[in-house]
Amino acid sequence: MNLTKDNLVIGGKYNWRYQKERLVYLGKSLSNGWLHRFALVDSPNNVWCEVRDSDLEFFEETRE
């Protein structure tokens, strides 16, 4: 299933397709409200990347 802004879950675990970094979803950016924030699972309090809605198609739920 493709990820969209409507099926992301805060605290859910995701990763970029074919990448080893495991991420936790933090929610939308507080500064602008339209970027999705992710942190590394091992550092859940530090934003690791911010992505647009259109980039979510390159994410998948983490299976590990």
PDB file of N, CA and C in Angstrom:
ATOM      1  N   MET A   1       0.831  -1.180   0.000  1.00  0.00           N
ATOM      2  CA  MET A   1       0.000   0.000   0.000  1.00  0.00           C
ATOM      3  C   MET A   1       0.878   1.246   0.000  1.00  0.00           C
ATOM      4  N   ASN A   2       0.549   2.208  -0.837  1.00  0.00           N
ATOM      5  CA  ASN A   2       1.295   3.460  -0.880  1.00  0.00           C
ATOM      6  C   ASN A   2       0.947   4.316   0.323  1.00  0.00           C
ATOM      7  N   LEU A   3       1.975   4.945   0.890  1.00  0.00           N
ATOM      8  CA  LEU A   3       1.734   5.847   2.007  1.00  0.00           C
ATOM      9  C   LEU A   3       1.241   7.181   1.490  1.00  0.00           C
ATOM     10  N   THR A   4       0.328   7.762   2.228  1.00  0.00           N
ATOM     11  CA  THR A   4      -0.181   9.091   1.934  1.00  0.00           C
ATOM     12  C   THR A   4      -0.263   9.855   3.252  1.00  0.00           C
ATOM     13  N   LYS A   5      -0.506  11.134   3.170  1.00  0.00           N
ATOM     14  CA  LYS A   5      -0.648  11.935   4.386  1.00  0.00           C
ATOM     15  C   LYS A   5      -1.812  11.447   5.245  1.00  0.00           C
ATOM     16  N   ASP A   6      -2.767  10.765   4.628  1.00  0.00           N
ATOM     17  CA  ASP A   6      -3.947  10.308   5.350  1.00  0.00           C
ATOM     18  C   ASP A   6      -3.759   8.988   6.091  1.00  0.00           C
ATOM     19  N   ASN A   7      -2.702   8.230   5.753  1.00  0.00           N
ATOM     20  CA  ASN A   7      -2.534   6.956   6.458  1.00  0.00           C
ATOM     21  C   ASN A   7      -1.247   6.868   7.266  1.00  0.00           C
ATOM     22  N   LEU A   8      -0.564   7.992   7.466  1.00  0.00           N
ATOM     23  CA  LEU A   8       0.582   8.018   8.376  1.00  0.00           C
ATOM     24  C   LEU A   8       0.081   8.041   9.816  1.00  0.00           C
ATOM     25  N   VAL A   9       0.811   7.391  10.703  1.00  0.00           N
ATOM     26  CA  VAL A   9       0.444   7.343  12.108  1.00  0.00           C
ATOM     27  C   VAL A   9       1.590   7.921  12.924  1.00  0.00           C
ATOM     28  N   ILE A  10       1.296   8.912  13.752  1.00  0.00           N
ATOM     29  CA  ILE A  10       2.334   9.464  14.628  1.00  0.00           C
ATOM     30  C   ILE A  10       2.839   8.337  15.520  1.00  0.00           C
ATOM     31  N   GLY A  11       4.155   8.188  15.570  1.00  0.00           N
ATOM     32  CA  GLY A  11       4.774   7.091  16.316  1.00  0.00           C
ATOM     33  C   GLY A  11       4.954   5.836  15.489  1.00  0.00           C
ATOM     34  N   GLY A  12       4.379   5.812  14.272  1.00  0.00           N
ATOM     35  CA  GLY A  12       4.539   4.668  13.380  1.00  0.00           C
ATOM     36  C   GLY A  12       5.962   4.596  12.836  1.00  0.00           C
ATOM     37  N   LYS A  13       6.370   3.417  12.452  1.00  0.00           N
ATOM     38  CA  LYS A  13       7.740   3.221  11.955  1.00  0.00           C
ATOM     39  C   LYS A  13       7.727   3.039  10.441  1.00  0.00           C
ATOM     40  N   TYR A  14       8.612   3.785   9.771  1.00  0.00           N
ATOM     41  CA  TYR A  14       8.666   3.831   8.318  1.00  0.00           C
ATOM     42  C   TYR A  14      10.114   3.876   7.865  1.00  0.00           C
ATOM     43  N   ASN A  15      10.307   3.709   6.586  1.00  0.00           N
ATOM     44  CA  ASN A  15      11.640   3.900   6.008  1.00  0.00           C
ATOM     45  C   ASN A  15      11.495   4.270   4.539  1.00  0.00           C
ATOM     46  N   TRP A  16      12.527   4.945   4.021  1.00  0.00           N
ATOM     47  CA  TRP A  16      12.599   5.178   2.585  1.00  0.00           C
ATOM     48  C   TRP A  16      12.745   3.801   1.950  1.00  0.00           C
ATOM     49  N   ARG A  17      12.108   3.561   0.853  1.00  0.00           N
ATOM     50  CA  ARG A  17      12.237   2.261   0.181  1.00  0.00           C
ATOM     51  C   ARG A  17      13.700   1.969  -0.106  1.00  0.00           C
ATOM     52  N   TYR A  18      14.082   0.742   0.165  1.00  0.00           N
ATOM     53  CA  TYR A  18      15.424   0.209  -0.109  1.00  0.00           C
ATOM     54  C   TYR A  18      16.520   0.852   0.747  1.00  0.00           C
ATOM     55  N   GLN A  19      16.162   1.534   1.822  1.00  0.00           N
ATOM     56  CA  GLN A  19      17.167   2.131   2.703  1.00  0.00           C
ATOM     57  C   GLN A  19      17.125   1.456   4.063  1.00  0.00           C
ATOM     58  N   LYS A  20      18.263   1.436   4.741  1.00  0.00           N
ATOM     59  CA  LYS A  20      18.364   0.727   6.014  1.00  0.00           C
ATOM     60  C   LYS A  20      17.903   1.548   7.217  1.00  0.00           C
ATOM     61  N   GLU A  21      17.900   2.888   7.120  1.00  0.00           N
ATOM     62  CA  GLU A  21      17.522   3.723   8.253  1.00  0.00           C
ATOM     63  C   GLU A  21      16.047   3.528   8.584  1.00  0.00           C
ATOM     64  N   ARG A  22      15.777   3.254   9.847  1.00  0.00           N
ATOM     65  CA  ARG A  22      14.405   3.062  10.301  1.00  0.00           C
ATOM     66  C   ARG A  22      13.976   4.344  11.003  1.00  0.00           C
ATOM     67  N   LEU A  23      12.793   4.822  10.621  1.00  0.00           N
ATOM     68  CA  LEU A  23      12.332   6.125  11.068  1.00  0.00           C
ATOM     69  C   LEU A  23      11.026   6.017  11.836  1.00  0.00           C
ATOM     70  N   VAL A  24      10.806   6.989  12.693  1.00  0.00           N
ATOM     71  CA  VAL A  24       9.545   7.109  13.408  1.00  0.00           C
ATOM     72  C   VAL A  24       8.906   8.429  12.967  1.00  0.00           C
ATOM     73  N   TYR A  25       7.603   8.377  12.729  1.00  0.00           N
ATOM     74  CA  TYR A  25       6.898   9.570  12.255  1.00  0.00           C
ATOM     75  C   TYR A  25       6.546  10.470  13.431  1.00  0.00           C
ATOM     76  N   LEU A  26       6.941  11.743  13.339  1.00  0.00           N
ATOM     77  CA  LEU A  26       6.718  12.703  14.412  1.00  0.00           C
ATOM     78  C   LEU A  26       5.498  13.588  14.176  1.00  0.00           C
ATOM     79  N   GLY A  27       5.009  13.616  12.958  1.00  0.00           N
ATOM     80  CA  GLY A  27       3.885  14.486  12.634  1.00  0.00           C
ATOM     81  C   GLY A  27       4.320  15.602  11.704  1.00  0.00           C
ATOM     82  N   LYS A  28       3.430  16.546  11.506  1.00  0.00           N
ATOM     83  CA  LYS A  28       3.735  17.661  10.608  1.00  0.00           C
ATOM     84  C   LYS A  28       4.596  18.692  11.322  1.00  0.00           C
ATOM     85  N   SER A  29       5.370  19.413  10.541  1.00  0.00           N
ATOM     86  CA  SER A  29       6.232  20.466  11.053  1.00  0.00           C
ATOM     87  C   SER A  29       5.408  21.539  11.747  1.00  0.00           C
ATOM     88  N   LEU A  30       5.860  21.967  12.899  1.00  0.00           N
ATOM     89  CA  LEU A  30       5.162  23.032  13.621  1.00  0.00           C
ATOM     90  C   LEU A  30       5.430  24.401  13.013  1.00  0.00           C
ATOM     91  N   SER A  31       6.550  24.523  12.301  1.00  0.00           N
ATOM     92  CA  SER A  31       6.915  25.836  11.761  1.00  0.00           C
ATOM     93  C   SER A  31       6.128  26.203  10.505  1.00  0.00           C
ATOM     94  N   ASN A  32       5.809  25.208   9.672  1.00  0.00           N
ATOM     95  CA  ASN A  32       5.097  25.548   8.437  1.00  0.00           C
ATOM     96  C   ASN A  32       3.862  24.685   8.195  1.00  0.00           C
ATOM     97  N   GLY A  33       3.750  23.565   8.878  1.00  0.00           N
ATOM     98  CA  GLY A  33       2.551  22.752   8.808  1.00  0.00           C
ATOM     99  C   GLY A  33       2.369  21.905   7.564  1.00  0.00           C
ATOM    100  N   TRP A  34       3.307  21.936   6.628  1.00  0.00           N
ATOM    101  CA  TRP A  34       3.106  21.113   5.433  1.00  0.00           C
ATOM    102  C   TRP A  34       4.245  20.146   5.157  1.00  0.00           C
ATOM    103  N   LEU A  35       5.254  20.101   5.983  1.00  0.00           N
ATOM    104  CA  LEU A  35       6.297  19.088   5.859  1.00  0.00           C
ATOM    105  C   LEU A  35       6.082  18.018   6.930  1.00  0.00           C
ATOM    106  N   HIS A  36       6.304  16.773   6.544  1.00  0.00           N
ATOM    107  CA  HIS A  36       6.199  15.653   7.477  1.00  0.00           C
ATOM    108  C   HIS A  36       7.566  15.408   8.086  1.00  0.00           C
ATOM    109  N   ARG A  37       7.623  15.283   9.401  1.00  0.00           N
ATOM    110  CA  ARG A  37       8.896  15.105  10.110  1.00  0.00           C
ATOM    111  C   ARG A  37       9.087  13.657  10.540  1.00  0.00           C
ATOM    112  N   PHE A  38      10.312  13.191  10.342  1.00  0.00           N
ATOM    113  CA  PHE A  38      10.698  11.841  10.746  1.00  0.00           C
ATOM    114  C   PHE A  38      11.991  11.918  11.546  1.00  0.00           C
ATOM    115  N   ALA A  39      12.131  11.021  12.509  1.00  0.00           N
ATOM    116  CA  ALA A  39      13.352  10.890  13.296  1.00  0.00           C
ATOM    117  C   ALA A  39      13.840   9.457  13.167  1.00  0.00           C
ATOM    118  N   LEU A  40      15.122   9.252  13.400  1.00  0.00           N
ATOM    119  CA  LEU A  40      15.648   7.890  13.458  1.00  0.00           C
ATOM    120  C   LEU A  40      15.056   7.197  14.676  1.00  0.00           C
ATOM    121  N   VAL A  41      14.766   5.914  14.567  1.00  0.00           N
ATOM    122  CA  VAL A  41      14.194   5.159  15.680  1.00  0.00           C
ATOM    123  C   VAL A  41      15.088   5.253  16.908  1.00  0.00           C
ATOM    124  N   ASP A  42      16.416   5.234  16.702  1.00  0.00           N
ATOM    125  CA  ASP A  42      17.358   5.300  17.823  1.00  0.00           C
ATOM    126  C   ASP A  42      17.491   6.691  18.423  1.00  0.00           C
ATOM    127  N   SER A  43      17.011   7.727  17.743  1.00  0.00           N
ATOM    128  CA  SER A  43      17.071   9.115  18.228  1.00  0.00           C
ATOM    129  C   SER A  43      15.724   9.788  17.987  1.00  0.00           C
ATOM    130  N   PRO A  44      14.676   9.334  18.658  1.00  0.00           N
ATOM    131  CA  PRO A  44      13.326   9.787  18.336  1.00  0.00           C
ATOM    132  C   PRO A  44      13.026  11.253  18.645  1.00  0.00           C
ATOM    133  N   ASN A  45      13.925  11.940  19.320  1.00  0.00           N
ATOM    134  CA  ASN A  45      13.685  13.346  19.648  1.00  0.00           C
ATOM    135  C   ASN A  45      14.373  14.311  18.694  1.00  0.00           C
ATOM    136  N   ASN A  46      15.097  13.789  17.722  1.00  0.00           N
ATOM    137  CA  ASN A  46      15.832  14.629  16.775  1.00  0.00           C
ATOM    138  C   ASN A  46      15.292  14.416  15.365  1.00  0.00           C
ATOM    139  N   VAL A  47      14.796  15.476  14.767  1.00  0.00           N
ATOM    140  CA  VAL A  47      14.278  15.369  13.399  1.00  0.00           C
ATOM    141  C   VAL A  47      15.425  14.976  12.471  1.00  0.00           C
ATOM    142  N   TRP A  48      15.208  13.923  11.703  1.00  0.00           N
ATOM    143  CA  TRP A  48      16.231  13.431  10.783  1.00  0.00           C
ATOM    144  C   TRP A  48      15.954  13.891   9.358  1.00  0.00           C
ATOM    145  N   CYS A  49      14.667  13.979   9.006  1.00  0.00           N
ATOM    146  CA  CYS A  49      14.311  14.488   7.685  1.00  0.00           C
ATOM    147  C   CYS A  49      12.891  15.032   7.699  1.00  0.00           C
ATOM    148  N   GLU A  50      12.646  15.913   6.757  1.00  0.00           N
ATOM    149  CA  GLU A  50      11.317  16.466   6.538  1.00  0.00           C
ATOM    150  C   GLU A  50      10.982  16.263   5.066  1.00  0.00           C
ATOM    151  N   VAL A  51       9.780  15.801   4.792  1.00  0.00           N
ATOM    152  CA  VAL A  51       9.412  15.500   3.414  1.00  0.00           C
ATOM    153  C   VAL A  51       8.039  16.074   3.075  1.00  0.00           C
ATOM    154  N   ARG A  52       7.837  16.309   1.801  1.00  0.00           N
ATOM    155  CA  ARG A  52       6.554  16.794   1.289  1.00  0.00           C
ATOM    156  C   ARG A  52       5.593  15.624   1.092  1.00  0.00           C
ATOM    157  N   ASP A  53       4.316  15.953   0.955  1.00  0.00           N
ATOM    158  CA  ASP A  53       3.312  14.913   0.690  1.00  0.00           C
ATOM    159  C   ASP A  53       3.712  14.059  -0.514  1.00  0.00           C
ATOM    160  N   SER A  54       4.224  14.697  -1.548  1.00  0.00           N
ATOM    161  CA  SER A  54       4.562  13.981  -2.784  1.00  0.00           C
ATOM    162  C   SER A  54       5.717  12.996  -2.605  1.00  0.00           C
ATOM    163  N   ASP A  55       6.546  13.182  -1.573  1.00  0.00           N
ATOM    164  CA  ASP A  55       7.665  12.261  -1.323  1.00  0.00           C
ATOM    165  C   ASP A  55       7.239  10.996  -0.583  1.00  0.00           C
ATOM    166  N   LEU A  56       6.047  11.003  -0.016  1.00  0.00           N
ATOM    167  CA  LEU A  56       5.605   9.848   0.767  1.00  0.00           C
ATOM    168  C   LEU A  56       5.466   8.584  -0.065  1.00  0.00           C
ATOM    169  N   GLU A  57       5.325   8.732  -1.370  1.00  0.00           N
ATOM    170  CA  GLU A  57       5.229   7.549  -2.227  1.00  0.00           C
ATOM    171  C   GLU A  57       6.520   6.720  -2.214  1.00  0.00           C
ATOM    172  N   PHE A  58       7.624   7.313  -1.750  1.00  0.00           N
ATOM    173  CA  PHE A  58       8.903   6.614  -1.693  1.00  0.00           C
ATOM    174  C   PHE A  58       9.161   5.987  -0.325  1.00  0.00           C
ATOM    175  N   PHE A  59       8.169   6.039   0.554  1.00  0.00           N
ATOM    176  CA  PHE A  59       8.262   5.455   1.891  1.00  0.00           C
ATOM    177  C   PHE A  59       7.463   4.162   1.946  1.00  0.00           C
ATOM    178  N   GLU A  60       7.811   3.338   2.936  1.00  0.00           N
ATOM    179  CA  GLU A  60       7.043   2.134   3.222  1.00  0.00           C
ATOM    180  C   GLU A  60       7.029   1.924   4.727  1.00  0.00           C
ATOM    181  N   GLU A  61       6.069   1.168   5.199  1.00  0.00           N
ATOM    182  CA  GLU A  61       6.059   0.825   6.622  1.00  0.00           C
ATOM    183  C   GLU A  61       7.228  -0.099   6.899  1.00  0.00           C
ATOM    184  N   THR A  62       7.878   0.111   8.030  1.00  0.00           N
ATOM    185  CA  THR A  62       8.995  -0.737   8.404  1.00  0.00           C
ATOM    186  C   THR A  62       8.476  -2.093   8.838  1.00  0.00           C
ATOM    187  N   ARG A  63       9.056  -3.123   8.293  1.00  0.00           N
ATOM    188  CA  ARG A  63       8.616  -4.487   8.601  1.00  0.00           C
ATOM    189  C   ARG A  63       9.444  -5.127   9.705  1.00  0.00           C
ATOM    190  N   GLU A  64      10.529  -4.505  10.061  1.00  0.00           N
ATOM    191  CA  GLU A  64      11.437  -5.083  11.079  1.00  0.00           C
ATOM    192  C   GLU A  64      11.148  -4.537  12.443  1.00  0.00           C
TER     193      GLU A  64
END
